[in-house]
Amino acid sequence: MRRVSVLAVTVLAALAFTSVASAVGENKNTVTFTLDCGAFGVFTGSQPGGAGAALILEDGGLAIAQGLAEDGEVLVRPTPGLARQGKLAECSFTFPGQPERVASVLFVPATP
């Protein structure tokens, strides 16, 4: 039950962040980059402020990092429940000025 609550809070916070970000718009600290999720697809989005786990996708959806690895070393373990349920996509990306990393990503579709 606790994991469901944490996931719900994460998604609600990310959705609130999206509405605030779209109201504020991009700024000088906004970083735009691409996630390559192999057979799942390639997605481009931006992070207003240039930091955080949520990437606002071009279609209005969200890509929320739930785990992170670099050079095969796990930096942040993926959320166990989401990983077991097969809800995470492995996506590689390069954040400007950083080495390539692989994120375990939860995708949240855009709301109408």
N, C-alpha and C. Protein backbone atom coordinates (compact mmCIF):
# COMPACT_ATOMS: atom_id res chain seq x y z
N MET A 1 0.83 -1.20 0.00
CA MET A 1 0.00 0.00 0.00
C MET A 1 0.87 1.26 0.00
N ARG A 2 1.98 1.19 0.76
CA ARG A 2 2.86 2.36 0.83
C ARG A 2 3.44 2.70 -0.54
N ARG A 3 3.83 1.67 -1.32
CA ARG A 3 4.40 1.90 -2.64
C ARG A 3 3.39 2.54 -3.58
N VAL A 4 2.14 2.11 -3.47
CA VAL A 4 1.09 2.71 -4.30
C VAL A 4 0.91 4.17 -3.94
N SER A 5 0.96 4.47 -2.64
CA SER A 5 0.83 5.86 -2.18
C SER A 5 1.99 6.72 -2.68
N VAL A 6 3.21 6.16 -2.59
CA VAL A 6 4.39 6.90 -3.07
C VAL A 6 4.29 7.15 -4.56
N LEU A 7 3.87 6.12 -5.34
CA LEU A 7 3.72 6.29 -6.77
C LEU A 7 2.66 7.34 -7.08
N ALA A 8 1.53 7.30 -6.38
CA ALA A 8 0.46 8.27 -6.61
C ALA A 8 0.94 9.68 -6.34
N VAL A 9 1.66 9.86 -5.24
CA VAL A 9 2.19 11.20 -4.90
C VAL A 9 3.19 11.65 -5.96
N THR A 10 4.05 10.74 -6.43
CA THR A 10 5.03 11.08 -7.46
C THR A 10 4.35 11.53 -8.74
N VAL A 11 3.34 10.76 -9.17
CA VAL A 11 2.64 11.11 -10.40
C VAL A 11 1.89 12.43 -10.25
N LEU A 12 1.21 12.64 -9.12
CA LEU A 12 0.49 13.90 -8.90
C LEU A 12 1.44 15.09 -8.86
N ALA A 13 2.58 14.90 -8.20
CA ALA A 13 3.57 15.99 -8.15
C ALA A 13 4.11 16.29 -9.54
N ALA A 14 4.35 15.24 -10.32
CA ALA A 14 4.85 15.44 -11.68
C ALA A 14 3.82 16.14 -12.54
N LEU A 15 2.55 15.76 -12.39
CA LEU A 15 1.49 16.43 -13.17
C LEU A 15 1.37 17.90 -12.76
N ALA A 16 1.47 18.17 -11.46
CA ALA A 16 1.43 19.56 -11.01
C ALA A 16 2.61 20.33 -11.57
N PHE A 17 3.79 19.69 -11.57
CA PHE A 17 4.99 20.30 -12.11
C PHE A 17 4.80 20.63 -13.59
N THR A 18 4.13 19.73 -14.30
CA THR A 18 3.90 19.95 -15.73
C THR A 18 3.03 21.16 -15.95
N SER A 19 1.96 21.30 -15.18
CA SER A 19 1.07 22.44 -15.39
C SER A 19 1.76 23.74 -15.01
N VAL A 20 2.58 23.71 -13.96
CA VAL A 20 3.33 24.90 -13.58
C VAL A 20 4.37 25.22 -14.65
N ALA A 21 5.07 24.20 -15.13
CA ALA A 21 6.12 24.41 -16.14
C ALA A 21 5.53 24.95 -17.43
N SER A 22 4.37 24.43 -17.84
CA SER A 22 3.81 24.93 -19.08
C SER A 22 3.27 26.34 -18.90
N ALA A 23 2.85 26.67 -17.68
CA ALA A 23 2.38 28.03 -17.43
C ALA A 23 3.56 29.00 -17.41
N VAL A 24 4.68 28.55 -16.82
CA VAL A 24 5.87 29.39 -16.72
C VAL A 24 6.61 29.43 -18.05
N GLY A 25 6.66 28.30 -18.74
CA GLY A 25 7.38 28.23 -20.01
C GLY A 25 8.85 27.94 -19.80
N GLU A 26 9.57 27.88 -20.89
CA GLU A 26 10.99 27.60 -20.80
C GLU A 26 11.74 28.83 -20.30
N ASN A 27 12.87 28.59 -19.67
CA ASN A 27 13.71 29.68 -19.20
C ASN A 27 15.16 29.38 -19.56
N LYS A 28 16.06 30.22 -19.13
CA LYS A 28 17.47 30.04 -19.51
C LYS A 28 18.08 28.77 -18.94
N ASN A 29 17.45 28.17 -17.93
CA ASN A 29 17.96 26.95 -17.33
C ASN A 29 17.29 25.69 -17.88
N THR A 30 16.40 25.83 -18.83
CA THR A 30 15.72 24.68 -19.42
C THR A 30 16.69 23.88 -20.26
N VAL A 31 16.67 22.55 -20.06
CA VAL A 31 17.53 21.65 -20.81
C VAL A 31 16.64 20.75 -21.65
N THR A 32 16.95 20.63 -22.94
CA THR A 32 16.19 19.76 -23.84
C THR A 32 17.10 18.63 -24.28
N PHE A 33 16.58 17.39 -24.20
CA PHE A 33 17.36 16.26 -24.67
C PHE A 33 16.45 15.12 -25.09
N THR A 34 17.04 14.06 -25.62
CA THR A 34 16.30 12.94 -26.21
C THR A 34 16.54 11.66 -25.42
N LEU A 35 15.47 10.91 -25.21
CA LEU A 35 15.54 9.57 -24.62
C LEU A 35 15.45 8.56 -25.74
N ASP A 36 16.40 7.64 -25.81
CA ASP A 36 16.34 6.56 -26.80
C ASP A 36 15.96 5.29 -26.06
N CYS A 37 14.72 4.85 -26.27
CA CYS A 37 14.18 3.70 -25.55
C CYS A 37 14.10 2.47 -26.44
N GLY A 38 14.98 2.39 -27.43
CA GLY A 38 15.05 1.23 -28.31
C GLY A 38 13.74 0.97 -29.03
N ALA A 39 13.23 -0.25 -28.93
CA ALA A 39 12.00 -0.62 -29.63
C ALA A 39 10.79 0.15 -29.12
N PHE A 40 10.86 0.71 -27.90
CA PHE A 40 9.75 1.46 -27.33
C PHE A 40 9.60 2.82 -28.00
N GLY A 41 10.71 3.38 -28.52
CA GLY A 41 10.64 4.65 -29.24
C GLY A 41 11.69 5.64 -28.80
N VAL A 42 11.71 6.76 -29.49
CA VAL A 42 12.63 7.87 -29.19
C VAL A 42 11.77 9.08 -28.84
N PHE A 43 12.09 9.73 -27.73
CA PHE A 43 11.28 10.82 -27.23
C PHE A 43 12.15 12.02 -26.92
N THR A 44 11.66 13.21 -27.25
CA THR A 44 12.37 14.44 -26.94
C THR A 44 11.53 15.25 -25.97
N GLY A 45 12.19 15.84 -25.01
CA GLY A 45 11.47 16.64 -24.02
C GLY A 45 12.40 17.64 -23.37
N SER A 46 11.87 18.34 -22.38
CA SER A 46 12.66 19.37 -21.71
C SER A 46 12.43 19.34 -20.21
N GLN A 47 13.40 19.88 -19.50
CA GLN A 47 13.34 20.02 -18.06
C GLN A 47 13.51 21.50 -17.72
N PRO A 48 12.42 22.21 -17.45
CA PRO A 48 12.57 23.59 -16.98
C PRO A 48 13.35 23.58 -15.67
N GLY A 49 14.34 24.39 -15.56
CA GLY A 49 15.18 24.39 -14.38
C GLY A 49 16.40 23.51 -14.53
N GLY A 50 16.35 22.58 -15.49
CA GLY A 50 17.51 21.75 -15.81
C GLY A 50 17.83 20.65 -14.82
N ALA A 51 16.94 20.34 -13.87
CA ALA A 51 17.21 19.27 -12.92
C ALA A 51 15.91 18.60 -12.53
N GLY A 52 16.02 17.40 -12.04
CA GLY A 52 14.85 16.66 -11.59
C GLY A 52 14.71 15.34 -12.31
N ALA A 53 13.68 14.59 -11.94
CA ALA A 53 13.48 13.26 -12.50
C ALA A 53 12.43 13.24 -13.59
N ALA A 54 11.70 14.34 -13.78
CA ALA A 54 10.62 14.36 -14.78
C ALA A 54 11.04 15.15 -16.02
N LEU A 55 10.84 14.51 -17.17
CA LEU A 55 11.10 15.14 -18.46
C LEU A 55 9.75 15.42 -19.10
N ILE A 56 9.48 16.66 -19.44
CA ILE A 56 8.22 17.02 -20.09
C ILE A 56 8.38 16.76 -21.57
N LEU A 57 7.61 15.79 -22.07
CA LEU A 57 7.73 15.39 -23.47
C LEU A 57 7.03 16.38 -24.39
N GLU A 58 7.42 16.35 -25.66
CA GLU A 58 6.86 17.29 -26.64
C GLU A 58 5.35 17.14 -26.78
N ASP A 59 4.81 15.92 -26.55
CA ASP A 59 3.37 15.71 -26.69
C ASP A 59 2.60 16.08 -25.42
N GLY A 60 3.29 16.57 -24.39
CA GLY A 60 2.65 16.97 -23.15
C GLY A 60 2.69 15.90 -22.07
N GLY A 61 3.13 14.69 -22.41
CA GLY A 61 3.25 13.62 -21.42
C GLY A 61 4.50 13.81 -20.59
N LEU A 62 4.72 12.86 -19.68
CA LEU A 62 5.89 12.91 -18.81
C LEU A 62 6.68 11.62 -18.90
N ALA A 63 7.98 11.73 -18.76
CA ALA A 63 8.86 10.58 -18.59
C ALA A 63 9.51 10.79 -17.24
N ILE A 64 9.23 9.87 -16.29
CA ILE A 64 9.73 10.02 -14.93
C ILE A 64 10.77 8.95 -14.66
N ALA A 65 11.99 9.38 -14.38
CA ALA A 65 13.06 8.43 -14.09
C ALA A 65 12.79 7.74 -12.76
N GLN A 66 12.83 6.41 -12.77
CA GLN A 66 12.62 5.62 -11.57
C GLN A 66 13.86 4.82 -11.20
N GLY A 67 14.94 5.02 -11.93
CA GLY A 67 16.21 4.34 -11.68
C GLY A 67 17.24 4.91 -12.63
N LEU A 68 18.53 4.78 -12.30
CA LEU A 68 19.58 5.39 -13.12
C LEU A 68 20.86 4.56 -13.04
N ALA A 69 21.50 4.37 -14.21
CA ALA A 69 22.77 3.65 -14.27
C ALA A 69 23.73 4.39 -15.20
N GLU A 70 25.02 4.25 -14.91
CA GLU A 70 26.06 4.86 -15.74
C GLU A 70 27.20 3.86 -15.87
N ASP A 71 27.63 3.59 -17.10
CA ASP A 71 28.70 2.62 -17.37
C ASP A 71 28.42 1.26 -16.70
N GLY A 72 27.16 0.83 -16.70
CA GLY A 72 26.80 -0.45 -16.13
C GLY A 72 26.67 -0.46 -14.62
N GLU A 73 27.00 0.64 -13.97
CA GLU A 73 26.91 0.74 -12.51
C GLU A 73 25.59 1.41 -12.14
N VAL A 74 24.82 0.77 -11.26
CA VAL A 74 23.54 1.32 -10.83
C VAL A 74 23.80 2.48 -9.87
N LEU A 75 23.29 3.65 -10.22
CA LEU A 75 23.41 4.82 -9.35
C LEU A 75 22.18 4.94 -8.46
N VAL A 76 21.01 4.67 -9.05
CA VAL A 76 19.74 4.68 -8.32
C VAL A 76 18.97 3.44 -8.76
N ARG A 77 18.63 2.58 -7.81
CA ARG A 77 17.90 1.35 -8.15
C ARG A 77 16.49 1.69 -8.63
N PRO A 78 16.01 0.96 -9.66
CA PRO A 78 14.64 1.17 -10.14
C PRO A 78 13.63 0.85 -9.04
N THR A 79 12.49 1.51 -9.09
CA THR A 79 11.41 1.24 -8.15
C THR A 79 10.99 -0.22 -8.30
N PRO A 80 11.12 -1.05 -7.26
CA PRO A 80 10.91 -2.49 -7.39
C PRO A 80 9.53 -2.89 -7.92
N GLY A 81 8.48 -2.31 -7.39
CA GLY A 81 7.14 -2.69 -7.82
C GLY A 81 6.90 -2.41 -9.29
N LEU A 82 7.34 -1.26 -9.76
CA LEU A 82 7.15 -0.91 -11.18
C LEU A 82 7.99 -1.79 -12.07
N ALA A 83 9.19 -2.12 -11.62
CA ALA A 83 10.07 -2.99 -12.41
C ALA A 83 9.46 -4.40 -12.53
N ARG A 84 8.96 -4.93 -11.42
CA ARG A 84 8.35 -6.27 -11.44
C ARG A 84 7.11 -6.31 -12.33
N GLN A 85 6.37 -5.22 -12.38
CA GLN A 85 5.15 -5.16 -13.19
C GLN A 85 5.44 -4.88 -14.66
N GLY A 86 6.70 -4.65 -15.01
CA GLY A 86 7.06 -4.39 -16.40
C GLY A 86 6.62 -3.03 -16.89
N LYS A 87 6.50 -2.05 -15.98
CA LYS A 87 6.02 -0.72 -16.36
C LYS A 87 7.13 0.27 -16.68
N LEU A 88 8.38 -0.20 -16.61
CA LEU A 88 9.51 0.70 -16.85
C LEU A 88 10.19 0.36 -18.17
N ALA A 89 10.55 1.38 -18.91
CA ALA A 89 11.31 1.22 -20.16
C ALA A 89 12.75 1.64 -19.89
N GLU A 90 13.70 0.90 -20.43
CA GLU A 90 15.11 1.26 -20.31
C GLU A 90 15.44 2.24 -21.43
N CYS A 91 15.88 3.44 -21.07
CA CYS A 91 16.15 4.48 -22.06
C CYS A 91 17.53 5.08 -21.82
N SER A 92 18.29 5.24 -22.90
CA SER A 92 19.59 5.89 -22.78
C SER A 92 19.43 7.37 -23.12
N PHE A 93 20.26 8.18 -22.51
CA PHE A 93 20.23 9.62 -22.78
C PHE A 93 21.57 10.22 -22.40
N THR A 94 21.83 11.38 -22.95
CA THR A 94 23.02 12.13 -22.58
C THR A 94 22.56 13.51 -22.13
N PHE A 95 22.73 13.79 -20.87
CA PHE A 95 22.44 15.11 -20.32
C PHE A 95 23.62 15.98 -20.70
N PRO A 96 23.38 17.19 -21.17
CA PRO A 96 24.49 18.04 -21.63
C PRO A 96 25.64 18.11 -20.61
N GLY A 97 26.83 17.81 -21.09
CA GLY A 97 28.02 17.87 -20.27
C GLY A 97 28.25 16.65 -19.39
N GLN A 98 27.43 15.60 -19.54
CA GLN A 98 27.54 14.39 -18.72
C GLN A 98 27.76 13.17 -19.61
N PRO A 99 28.24 12.06 -19.06
CA PRO A 99 28.37 10.83 -19.87
C PRO A 99 26.99 10.23 -20.13
N GLU A 100 26.94 9.31 -21.10
CA GLU A 100 25.67 8.64 -21.39
C GLU A 100 25.21 7.84 -20.18
N ARG A 101 23.92 7.90 -19.92
CA ARG A 101 23.32 7.17 -18.80
C ARG A 101 22.12 6.39 -19.30
N VAL A 102 21.69 5.43 -18.49
CA VAL A 102 20.50 4.64 -18.80
C VAL A 102 19.53 4.83 -17.64
N ALA A 103 18.31 5.23 -17.96
CA ALA A 103 17.28 5.43 -16.95
C ALA A 103 16.19 4.39 -17.11
N SER A 104 15.63 3.96 -15.99
CA SER A 104 14.42 3.15 -15.98
C SER A 104 13.29 4.15 -15.90
N VAL A 105 12.48 4.23 -16.97
CA VAL A 105 11.54 5.34 -17.11
C VAL A 105 10.09 4.87 -17.06
N LEU A 106 9.28 5.60 -16.31
CA LEU A 106 7.83 5.42 -16.28
C LEU A 106 7.25 6.52 -17.14
N PHE A 107 6.44 6.15 -18.13
CA PHE A 107 5.82 7.13 -19.00
C PHE A 107 4.39 7.43 -18.53
N VAL A 108 4.05 8.70 -18.44
CA VAL A 108 2.72 9.14 -18.07
C VAL A 108 2.17 9.93 -19.26
N PRO A 109 1.05 9.46 -19.85
CA PRO A 109 0.52 10.14 -21.03
C PRO A 109 -0.01 11.52 -20.69
N ALA A 110 -0.09 12.35 -21.72
CA ALA A 110 -0.64 13.70 -21.58
C ALA A 110 -2.12 13.59 -21.23
N THR A 111 -2.59 14.52 -20.40
CA THR A 111 -4.02 14.56 -20.10
C THR A 111 -4.69 15.54 -21.04
N PRO A 112 -5.89 15.21 -21.49
CA PRO A 112 -6.56 16.08 -22.48
C PRO A 112 -6.91 17.44 -21.94
